[in-house]
Amino acid sequence: MALSSVCIYGSLDQEREQVASLLDFFDIESRFGELTGHAAEADCQAVAIVCREAGELADWLRQLPDCCRKKPVLAFFDGEDLQDAPAVAGKVFPVSLQCRHRDLKRVLDEMERASAATARRRRQSLQSLEGGSASIQRIKRLIEKVANTPANVLVLGESGTGKELVARAIHRLSDRGDKPFVPVNCGAIPKDLLESELFGHEKGAFTGAITARTGRFELARGGTLFLDEIGDMDVNMQVKLLRVLQEKTFERVGSNRSLKADVRIIAATHRNLEEAIAAGRFREDLYYRLNVFPIEMPPLRERREDIPALAQSMIDRLAKEQGGYRLDQRCLNALMAHDWPGNVRELANLIERLRILYPDQTVRLEDLPAAYRGKLEDTPPPVASPTGMGAVQAAVNSPSVRLAAGDFDLKAHLQETELSFIHAALTQTNGVVAAAAKLLNLRRTTLVEKMRKYHIEREEVVSQF
């Protein structure tokens, strides 16, 4: 998208007017910004900073209002020698105030290409979270909101739901996206080795430490550290991690030299940390440090409508390596009826197995393993039935369905039915949301979302008693 508006900062009034004239030549609207950050600054696509010398730029970048910190910057300097100008890839573009129009055009084109690349990277980052269901679209919106903040993120969800995909998407969309993403599975490393794994150790720090080792905090410097299965971390190790999060420094095992912890923390777990806190297995203070911005991945059984797209995407990826195959409709129906205790990971396992068994073929219901065809195995293939308006007319003419023309709103009827069940469950459980969710066979967070949708307050339910 062509640049159309720029907000100009700087203490040199005459030079700011000069920059405004330069931009006006390219039909770019400009306005003078204030460090208080008004709405006008928020609407601009880019920022221009006018400095006497390159050394001033860092001070101006630090003072920019929050609404402008993520925008590309045209840095105008009073001089033609830009060798010392701090060009930051995709972020800061140095220009001389004495530049010609063609020189500025070249820089503007470079900025436009960088912006397009950023937008492309944003789209690609979210493509890994496949599916069009409302729950997945909500997850994508949350990722976009939190990515460019320094907030710690806690990704919750059952095993195999794609928690690491969420963490990687947040990392790629953040300012740290070009720095390392370092995952560590806290549940897979023995508790007596986890400290060394995270913080590193010096030579001779313990028996067997024959050389110094760089820990994951150092490897992730400037980037993101993904602490998977944080709920399995030993309580003593939790204390050490909490100190690092509070002080932003750490020491290698066997060293007293403090190192800066320049990392963004994203943690994940399949465990209920609130129950773990009550049982004394997880520290409450660490929980609140990590749970600044929670994201809960729904299990696959709660987004069955995504299964066909997920399956086809997996088949397409496998087809690039070896032959592909296709799933017939009854086979897809069976997959959508399955409860998927292993979630997306289980689906990926099945898709790869079917590729090995039926390369370049159509997989039918009877070709599926017995565990996946149970609910549909005894169902006969569908017979020809009316479609389009014929199907509607057949339903209206059915003796069990009598509708008055124009008087029936299916969407409203379904919402009323859902609302009545939610009220009944909450009433039956005295307003305890977790218990009501269990009655309705929903996740607690799903029920909370539905309560927000229908503007149901727990106090309203409890007050009925």
Protein backbone atom coordinates (compact mmCIF):
# COMPACT_ATOMS: atom_id res chain seq x y z
CA MET A 1 0.00 0.00 0.00
CA ALA A 2 1.42 3.41 -1.01
CA LEU A 3 2.38 5.76 1.79
CA SER A 4 -0.22 8.52 2.18
CA SER A 5 0.32 10.14 5.61
CA VAL A 6 3.36 10.91 7.77
CA CYS A 7 3.70 12.49 11.22
CA ILE A 8 6.81 14.71 11.50
CA TYR A 9 8.78 15.09 14.76
CA GLY A 10 11.87 17.16 15.57
CA SER A 11 13.01 20.36 17.22
CA LEU A 12 14.08 22.07 13.96
CA ASP A 13 10.98 23.97 12.82
CA GLN A 14 12.40 25.22 9.53
CA GLU A 15 13.67 21.77 8.59
CA ARG A 16 10.31 20.20 9.51
CA GLU A 17 8.65 22.56 7.04
CA GLN A 18 11.24 21.52 4.47
CA VAL A 19 10.41 17.82 5.02
CA ALA A 20 6.70 18.58 4.72
CA SER A 21 7.34 20.21 1.33
CA LEU A 22 9.37 17.21 0.16
CA LEU A 23 6.59 14.82 1.13
CA ASP A 24 3.95 17.03 -0.45
CA PHE A 25 5.73 16.59 -3.80
CA PHE A 26 4.81 12.89 -3.57
CA ASP A 27 1.20 13.65 -2.53
CA ILE A 28 1.93 12.46 1.01
CA GLU A 29 -0.07 14.27 3.67
CA SER A 30 2.05 15.42 6.61
CA ARG A 31 1.33 16.85 10.04
CA PHE A 32 3.56 17.93 12.91
CA GLY A 33 3.47 15.49 15.80
CA GLU A 34 3.59 16.10 19.53
CA LEU A 35 5.12 13.75 22.06
CA THR A 36 1.82 13.66 23.95
CA GLY A 37 0.48 11.36 21.23
CA HIS A 38 -2.85 12.68 19.94
CA ALA A 39 -5.28 10.87 17.66
CA ALA A 40 -3.68 12.56 14.64
CA GLU A 41 -0.43 10.70 15.26
CA ALA A 42 -2.25 7.39 15.62
CA ASP A 43 -3.82 7.77 12.15
CA CYS A 44 -0.51 8.28 10.32
CA GLN A 45 1.10 5.39 8.43
CA ALA A 46 4.70 6.40 9.18
CA VAL A 47 6.85 8.76 11.24
CA ALA A 48 9.48 11.27 10.10
CA ILE A 49 12.11 12.49 12.59
CA VAL A 50 14.26 15.54 11.77
CA CYS A 51 17.66 15.57 13.53
CA ARG A 52 20.83 17.64 13.35
CA GLU A 53 22.95 14.50 13.62
CA ALA A 54 22.53 10.72 13.77
CA GLY A 55 23.19 10.58 17.52
CA GLU A 56 19.92 12.38 18.29
CA LEU A 57 17.76 9.73 16.65
CA ALA A 58 17.85 7.25 19.55
CA ASP A 59 16.55 9.92 21.94
CA TRP A 60 13.66 10.76 19.63
CA LEU A 61 12.78 7.10 19.12
CA ARG A 62 12.57 6.63 22.89
CA GLN A 63 10.28 9.66 23.26
CA LEU A 64 7.79 8.71 20.55
CA PRO A 65 4.22 8.17 21.81
CA ASP A 66 3.09 4.55 22.06
CA CYS A 67 0.83 4.90 19.02
CA CYS A 68 3.90 5.55 16.83
CA ARG A 69 6.47 3.12 18.20
CA LYS A 70 5.67 0.31 15.76
CA LYS A 71 5.56 2.47 12.64
CA PRO A 72 8.35 2.80 10.05
CA VAL A 73 10.56 5.87 10.53
CA LEU A 74 12.00 8.25 7.95
CA ALA A 75 15.05 9.73 9.69
CA PHE A 76 16.08 13.07 8.10
CA PHE A 77 19.59 14.31 8.97
CA ASP A 78 21.17 17.73 8.37
CA GLY A 79 23.99 16.49 6.15
CA GLU A 80 24.72 14.29 3.17
CA ASP A 81 27.01 11.77 4.87
CA LEU A 82 24.72 9.04 6.21
CA GLN A 83 27.41 6.48 7.03
CA ASP A 84 26.78 6.88 10.76
CA ALA A 85 22.99 6.95 10.42
CA PRO A 86 21.44 4.00 12.29
CA ALA A 87 19.46 2.15 9.60
CA VAL A 88 17.32 -0.56 11.20
CA ALA A 89 16.06 -3.12 8.68
CA GLY A 90 12.37 -2.61 8.00
CA LYS A 91 12.10 0.06 10.70
CA VAL A 92 14.37 3.15 10.29
CA PHE A 93 15.20 4.60 6.87
CA PRO A 94 17.86 7.40 6.90
CA VAL A 95 17.54 10.32 4.45
CA SER A 96 19.58 13.50 4.01
CA LEU A 97 17.73 16.81 4.24
CA GLN A 98 19.71 17.79 1.14
CA CYS A 99 18.38 14.80 -0.83
CA ARG A 100 16.91 15.12 -4.30
CA HIS A 101 13.42 13.98 -5.11
CA ARG A 102 14.66 10.82 -6.80
CA ASP A 103 16.68 9.93 -3.67
CA LEU A 104 13.63 10.30 -1.45
CA LYS A 105 11.58 8.29 -3.96
CA ARG A 106 14.09 5.44 -3.66
CA VAL A 107 13.82 5.47 0.15
CA LEU A 108 10.01 5.62 0.02
CA ASP A 109 9.97 2.62 -2.34
CA GLU A 110 12.25 0.75 0.05
CA MET A 111 9.94 1.57 2.95
CA GLU A 112 6.92 0.37 0.97
CA ARG A 113 8.63 -2.94 0.15
CA ALA A 114 9.55 -3.42 3.81
CA SER A 115 5.96 -2.71 4.89
CA ALA A 116 4.65 -5.21 2.34
CA ALA A 117 7.11 -7.82 3.61
CA THR A 118 5.94 -7.19 7.18
CA ALA A 119 2.30 -7.63 6.16
CA ARG A 120 3.19 -10.81 4.28
CA ARG A 121 5.05 -12.17 7.31
CA ARG A 122 2.02 -11.38 9.48
CA ARG A 123 -0.28 -13.36 7.18
CA GLN A 124 2.14 -16.30 7.01
CA SER A 125 2.56 -16.32 10.79
CA LEU A 126 -1.16 -16.85 11.31
CA GLN A 127 -1.56 -19.37 8.47
CA SER A 128 -0.07 -22.07 10.71
CA LEU A 129 -3.24 -21.78 12.84
CA GLU A 130 -5.58 -23.29 10.29
CA GLY A 131 -9.33 -23.20 10.49
CA GLY A 132 -12.19 -20.79 10.07
CA SER A 133 -14.07 -21.52 13.29
CA ALA A 134 -15.00 -18.65 15.58
CA SER A 135 -12.67 -19.95 18.30
CA ILE A 136 -9.62 -19.99 16.00
CA GLN A 137 -10.42 -16.55 14.62
CA ARG A 138 -10.58 -15.29 18.21
CA ILE A 139 -7.17 -16.88 18.95
CA LYS A 140 -5.69 -15.09 15.92
CA ARG A 141 -7.07 -11.75 17.11
CA LEU A 142 -5.56 -12.27 20.56
CA ILE A 143 -2.19 -13.14 19.01
CA GLU A 144 -2.21 -9.93 16.96
CA LYS A 145 -3.11 -7.87 20.03
CA VAL A 146 -0.34 -9.23 22.26
CA ALA A 147 2.47 -9.84 19.75
CA ASN A 148 4.00 -6.37 19.79
CA THR A 149 3.82 -5.93 23.55
CA PRO A 150 6.43 -7.10 26.08
CA ALA A 151 3.77 -8.99 28.09
CA ASN A 152 4.38 -12.55 29.23
CA VAL A 153 1.90 -14.97 27.65
CA LEU A 154 0.50 -18.20 29.10
CA VAL A 155 -0.90 -20.60 26.49
CA LEU A 156 -3.33 -23.13 27.96
CA GLY A 157 -4.89 -26.18 26.39
CA GLU A 158 -4.90 -29.94 26.15
CA SER A 159 -1.91 -31.81 24.73
CA GLY A 160 -1.77 -31.67 20.96
CA THR A 161 -3.93 -28.56 20.49
CA GLY A 162 -1.11 -26.49 18.96
CA LYS A 163 0.18 -24.41 21.87
CA GLU A 164 3.67 -24.13 20.34
CA LEU A 165 2.14 -22.90 17.07
CA VAL A 166 0.56 -20.05 19.03
CA ALA A 167 3.89 -19.24 20.69
CA ARG A 168 5.73 -19.22 17.35
CA ALA A 169 3.07 -17.01 15.76
CA ILE A 170 3.37 -14.48 18.61
CA HIS A 171 7.16 -14.49 18.24
CA ARG A 172 7.13 -14.02 14.45
CA LEU A 173 4.68 -11.11 14.68
CA SER A 174 6.63 -9.36 17.44
CA ASP A 175 9.55 -6.93 17.27
CA ARG A 176 11.72 -9.91 18.26
CA GLY A 177 10.61 -11.91 15.21
CA ASP A 178 14.05 -11.85 13.57
CA LYS A 179 15.75 -13.05 16.76
CA PRO A 180 15.86 -16.64 18.11
CA PHE A 181 12.81 -18.60 19.21
CA VAL A 182 14.09 -21.10 21.77
CA PRO A 183 11.71 -23.82 23.04
CA VAL A 184 12.37 -25.93 26.12
CA ASN A 185 10.11 -28.68 27.44
CA CYS A 186 10.22 -28.30 31.22
CA GLY A 187 8.55 -31.68 31.71
CA ALA A 188 11.05 -33.62 29.59
CA ILE A 189 14.21 -32.53 31.45
CA PRO A 190 15.11 -34.06 34.85
CA LYS A 191 14.62 -31.50 37.61
CA ASP A 192 18.28 -31.63 38.67
CA LEU A 193 19.38 -30.71 35.12
CA LEU A 194 16.77 -28.05 34.31
CA GLU A 195 18.64 -25.20 36.02
CA SER A 196 21.74 -25.85 33.92
CA GLU A 197 19.57 -26.22 30.80
CA LEU A 198 17.93 -22.83 31.35
CA PHE A 199 20.78 -20.77 32.78
CA GLY A 200 23.88 -22.64 31.61
CA HIS A 201 26.87 -23.61 33.75
CA GLU A 202 30.57 -22.94 34.13
CA LYS A 203 33.28 -25.53 33.71
CA GLY A 204 33.60 -27.59 36.90
CA ALA A 205 30.32 -26.30 38.36
CA PHE A 206 29.34 -29.90 39.18
CA THR A 207 30.50 -33.43 38.52
CA GLY A 208 30.55 -33.98 34.78
CA ALA A 209 30.67 -30.29 33.86
CA ILE A 210 33.88 -30.65 31.85
CA THR A 211 33.15 -27.58 29.73
CA ALA A 212 31.10 -24.41 30.12
CA ARG A 213 27.59 -24.53 28.67
CA THR A 214 25.37 -21.78 27.31
CA GLY A 215 21.83 -21.95 28.70
CA ARG A 216 18.54 -21.35 26.92
CA PHE A 217 18.19 -17.83 28.36
CA GLU A 218 21.45 -16.86 26.65
CA LEU A 219 20.57 -18.66 23.41
CA ALA A 220 17.28 -16.74 23.26
CA ARG A 221 18.88 -13.33 23.88
CA GLY A 222 16.86 -10.67 22.10
CA GLY A 223 14.21 -13.23 21.14
CA THR A 224 11.61 -15.44 22.77
CA LEU A 225 11.99 -18.27 25.30
CA PHE A 226 9.13 -20.77 25.12
CA LEU A 227 8.71 -22.69 28.38
CA ASP A 228 6.54 -25.63 27.38
CA GLU A 229 4.81 -27.71 30.08
CA ILE A 230 5.63 -25.13 32.74
CA GLY A 231 3.16 -26.92 35.02
CA ASP A 232 5.60 -29.82 35.35
CA MET A 233 8.44 -27.64 36.67
CA ASP A 234 9.76 -28.50 40.14
CA VAL A 235 8.73 -26.03 42.87
CA ASN A 236 12.36 -25.20 43.78
CA MET A 237 13.08 -24.37 40.15
CA GLN A 238 9.97 -22.20 40.07
CA VAL A 239 11.52 -20.00 42.78
CA LYS A 240 14.64 -19.45 40.65
CA LEU A 241 12.61 -18.70 37.54
CA LEU A 242 10.47 -16.20 39.47
CA ARG A 243 13.60 -14.33 40.59
CA VAL A 244 14.80 -14.09 36.99
CA LEU A 245 11.44 -12.74 35.85
CA GLN A 246 11.47 -10.15 38.63
CA GLU A 247 15.09 -9.00 38.37
CA LYS A 248 15.68 -9.59 34.64
CA THR A 249 19.07 -11.10 35.44
CA PHE A 250 20.43 -14.61 36.03
CA GLU A 251 23.69 -16.41 36.77
CA ARG A 252 25.13 -19.54 35.23
CA VAL A 253 25.42 -22.48 37.62
CA GLY A 254 28.82 -22.12 39.30
CA SER A 255 29.16 -18.41 38.52
CA ASN A 256 28.44 -15.23 40.48
CA ARG A 257 28.45 -12.99 37.41
CA SER A 258 24.99 -11.67 36.57
CA LEU A 259 23.81 -11.78 32.96
CA LYS A 260 20.93 -9.78 31.52
CA ALA A 261 17.80 -11.81 30.73
CA ASP A 262 16.82 -10.07 27.49
CA VAL A 263 14.04 -12.47 26.47
CA ARG A 264 10.30 -12.48 26.04
CA ILE A 265 8.68 -15.33 28.01
CA ILE A 266 5.87 -17.44 26.60
CA ALA A 267 4.84 -20.40 28.75
CA ALA A 268 2.42 -23.23 28.06
CA THR A 269 0.82 -26.09 29.94
CA HIS A 270 -1.95 -28.67 29.64
CA ARG A 271 -2.42 -28.70 33.41
CA ASN A 272 -4.91 -26.71 35.49
CA LEU A 273 -2.51 -24.37 37.27
CA GLU A 274 -5.17 -23.07 39.66
CA GLU A 275 -5.66 -26.62 40.95
CA ALA A 276 -1.87 -27.04 41.11
CA ILE A 277 -1.62 -23.87 43.21
CA ALA A 278 -4.29 -25.15 45.61
CA ALA A 279 -2.39 -28.45 45.90
CA GLY A 280 0.93 -26.67 46.54
CA ARG A 281 2.53 -27.88 43.30
CA PHE A 282 2.76 -24.47 41.65
CA ARG A 283 3.67 -21.08 43.06
CA GLU A 284 0.90 -18.51 42.94
CA ASP A 285 3.32 -15.58 42.51
CA LEU A 286 4.94 -17.25 39.49
CA TYR A 287 1.50 -17.96 38.05
CA TYR A 288 0.59 -14.27 38.11
CA ARG A 289 3.96 -13.35 36.56
CA LEU A 290 3.35 -15.73 33.66
CA ASN A 291 -0.40 -15.27 33.28
CA VAL A 292 -0.31 -11.63 32.19
CA PHE A 293 -2.05 -12.51 28.92
CA PRO A 294 -3.65 -15.98 28.83
CA ILE A 295 -4.63 -17.67 25.56
CA GLU A 296 -6.57 -20.93 25.72
CA MET A 297 -6.44 -23.25 22.73
CA PRO A 298 -9.72 -25.13 22.25
CA PRO A 299 -9.60 -28.93 21.81
CA LEU A 300 -10.33 -30.25 18.33
CA ARG A 301 -13.69 -31.71 19.41
CA GLU A 302 -14.89 -28.15 20.11
CA ARG A 303 -14.05 -26.96 16.59
CA ARG A 304 -15.07 -29.92 14.47
CA GLU A 305 -15.88 -27.64 11.55
CA ASP A 306 -12.12 -27.06 11.15
CA ILE A 307 -11.32 -30.76 10.66
CA PRO A 308 -11.84 -30.93 6.85
CA ALA A 309 -9.58 -27.91 6.25
CA LEU A 310 -6.97 -29.18 8.72
CA ALA A 311 -6.95 -32.64 7.14
CA GLN A 312 -6.66 -31.27 3.60
CA SER A 313 -3.83 -28.93 4.59
CA MET A 314 -1.92 -31.84 6.14
CA ILE A 315 -2.51 -33.97 3.02
CA ASP A 316 -1.26 -31.14 0.79
CA ARG A 317 1.93 -30.75 2.83
CA LEU A 318 2.62 -34.49 2.70
CA ALA A 319 1.92 -34.54 -1.06
CA LYS A 320 4.93 -32.26 -1.61
CA GLU A 321 7.19 -35.05 -0.33
CA GLN A 322 5.32 -38.10 -1.64
CA GLY A 323 2.01 -38.81 -3.35
CA GLY A 324 -1.16 -37.38 -1.92
CA TYR A 325 -4.63 -38.87 -1.56
CA ARG A 326 -8.18 -37.74 -0.90
CA LEU A 327 -10.84 -38.48 1.71
CA ASP A 328 -14.39 -39.21 0.59
CA GLN A 329 -17.32 -37.48 2.29
CA ARG A 330 -18.28 -40.36 4.61
CA CYS A 331 -14.67 -40.59 5.70
CA LEU A 332 -14.64 -36.86 6.50
CA ASN A 333 -17.94 -37.23 8.37
CA ALA A 334 -16.38 -39.96 10.50
CA LEU A 335 -13.37 -37.77 11.31
CA MET A 336 -15.69 -34.93 12.31
CA ALA A 337 -17.65 -37.28 14.57
CA HIS A 338 -14.51 -38.54 16.35
CA ASP A 339 -13.68 -36.96 19.73
CA TRP A 340 -9.90 -36.63 19.15
CA PRO A 341 -8.42 -37.06 22.63
CA GLY A 342 -5.00 -36.40 21.06
CA ASN A 343 -6.32 -33.31 19.25
CA VAL A 344 -4.49 -31.95 16.17
CA ARG A 345 -1.45 -34.12 16.87
CA GLU A 346 -3.63 -37.24 16.67
CA LEU A 347 -5.18 -36.03 13.41
CA ALA A 348 -1.72 -35.43 11.90
CA ASN A 349 -0.66 -38.94 12.94
CA LEU A 350 -3.70 -40.48 11.24
CA ILE A 351 -3.28 -38.42 8.05
CA GLU A 352 0.33 -39.57 7.69
CA ARG A 353 -0.63 -43.20 8.34
CA LEU A 354 -3.31 -43.05 5.64
CA ARG A 355 -0.82 -41.62 3.16
CA ILE A 356 1.41 -44.66 3.69
CA LEU A 357 -1.51 -47.10 3.37
CA TYR A 358 -3.40 -45.48 0.46
CA PRO A 359 -1.03 -43.38 -1.71
CA ASP A 360 -2.78 -41.65 -4.63
CA GLN A 361 -6.11 -43.25 -3.70
CA THR A 362 -9.47 -42.20 -2.29
CA VAL A 363 -9.81 -43.22 1.35
CA ARG A 364 -13.30 -44.49 2.19
CA LEU A 365 -15.02 -44.95 5.54
CA GLU A 366 -14.20 -48.68 5.64
CA ASP A 367 -10.49 -47.87 5.11
CA LEU A 368 -10.27 -45.95 8.39
CA PRO A 369 -9.01 -47.72 11.53
CA ALA A 370 -11.92 -49.08 13.58
CA ALA A 371 -11.47 -46.46 16.31
CA TYR A 372 -12.31 -43.70 13.82
CA ARG A 373 -15.29 -45.21 12.04
CA GLY A 374 -17.25 -46.48 15.05
CA LYS A 375 -19.96 -43.81 15.09
CA LEU A 376 -20.70 -44.04 11.36
CA GLU A 377 -19.83 -47.66 10.57
CA ASP A 378 -23.42 -48.90 10.73
CA THR A 379 -24.86 -45.87 8.96
CA PRO A 380 -25.82 -46.61 5.33
CA PRO A 381 -24.47 -44.34 2.61
CA PRO A 382 -26.65 -41.29 2.06
CA VAL A 383 -29.44 -41.65 -0.49
CA ALA A 384 -30.32 -39.02 -3.01
CA SER A 385 -32.34 -36.28 -1.39
CA PRO A 386 -33.79 -32.97 -2.47
CA THR A 387 -31.35 -30.07 -2.57
CA GLY A 388 -31.73 -26.31 -2.56
CA MET A 389 -35.33 -25.08 -2.43
CA GLY A 390 -36.53 -28.65 -2.89
CA ALA A 391 -34.97 -29.58 0.44
CA VAL A 392 -36.60 -26.59 2.12
CA GLN A 393 -40.01 -27.51 0.68
CA ALA A 394 -39.56 -31.15 1.78
CA ALA A 395 -38.86 -30.01 5.34
CA VAL A 396 -41.89 -27.71 5.39
CA ASN A 397 -44.15 -30.47 4.06
CA SER A 398 -42.92 -32.99 6.63
CA PRO A 399 -45.79 -34.06 8.94
CA SER A 400 -43.56 -33.46 11.97
CA VAL A 401 -42.73 -29.87 11.02
CA ARG A 402 -45.37 -27.19 10.54
CA LEU A 403 -44.16 -23.63 9.98
CA ALA A 404 -46.13 -20.48 9.39
CA ALA A 405 -44.73 -18.67 6.37
CA GLY A 406 -42.39 -15.85 7.40
CA ASP A 407 -42.99 -16.29 11.13
CA PHE A 408 -40.05 -18.54 12.01
CA ASP A 409 -36.49 -17.33 12.78
CA LEU A 410 -34.22 -20.38 13.12
CA LYS A 411 -31.23 -18.39 14.41
CA ALA A 412 -33.27 -16.73 17.14
CA HIS A 413 -34.86 -20.05 18.08
CA LEU A 414 -31.46 -21.75 18.43
CA GLN A 415 -30.15 -18.85 20.53
CA GLU A 416 -33.17 -19.05 22.82
CA THR A 417 -32.64 -22.80 23.22
CA GLU A 418 -28.94 -22.34 24.01
CA LEU A 419 -29.71 -19.53 26.46
CA SER A 420 -32.31 -21.64 28.29
CA PHE A 421 -29.85 -24.53 28.70
CA ILE A 422 -27.16 -22.19 30.04
CA HIS A 423 -29.59 -20.65 32.54
CA ALA A 424 -30.74 -24.12 33.61
CA ALA A 425 -27.18 -25.35 34.15
CA LEU A 426 -26.17 -22.25 36.12
CA THR A 427 -29.32 -22.46 38.23
CA GLN A 428 -28.74 -26.14 38.94
CA THR A 429 -25.15 -25.45 40.07
CA ASN A 430 -25.92 -22.32 42.12
CA GLY A 431 -24.03 -20.15 39.64
CA VAL A 432 -20.76 -22.15 39.77
CA VAL A 433 -19.49 -21.72 36.20
CA ALA A 434 -17.05 -24.65 36.24
CA ALA A 435 -19.78 -27.03 37.41
CA ALA A 436 -22.27 -25.65 34.88
CA ALA A 437 -19.73 -26.09 32.08
CA LYS A 438 -19.27 -29.72 33.11
CA LEU A 439 -23.03 -30.28 32.95
CA LEU A 440 -23.14 -28.80 29.46
CA ASN A 441 -20.01 -30.71 28.34
CA LEU A 442 -18.26 -27.42 27.58
CA ARG A 443 -14.91 -25.98 28.60
CA ARG A 444 -15.22 -23.37 31.33
CA THR A 445 -13.80 -20.66 29.05
CA THR A 446 -16.30 -21.53 26.33
CA LEU A 447 -19.19 -21.13 28.77
CA VAL A 448 -17.75 -17.82 30.02
CA GLU A 449 -17.66 -16.55 26.42
CA LYS A 450 -21.28 -17.57 25.90
CA MET A 451 -22.27 -15.84 29.15
CA ARG A 452 -20.63 -12.65 27.88
CA LYS A 453 -22.45 -13.06 24.56
CA TYR A 454 -25.83 -13.27 26.31
CA HIS A 455 -24.88 -10.73 29.03
CA ILE A 456 -25.38 -13.27 31.83
CA GLU A 457 -23.84 -12.30 35.16
CA ARG A 458 -23.19 -14.94 37.80
CA GLU A 459 -24.69 -12.63 40.40
CA GLU A 460 -28.01 -12.68 38.50
CA VAL A 461 -28.17 -16.46 38.71
CA VAL A 462 -27.18 -16.63 42.38
CA SER A 463 -29.72 -13.93 43.30
CA GLN A 464 -32.51 -16.22 42.17
CA PHE A 465 -32.03 -18.46 45.22
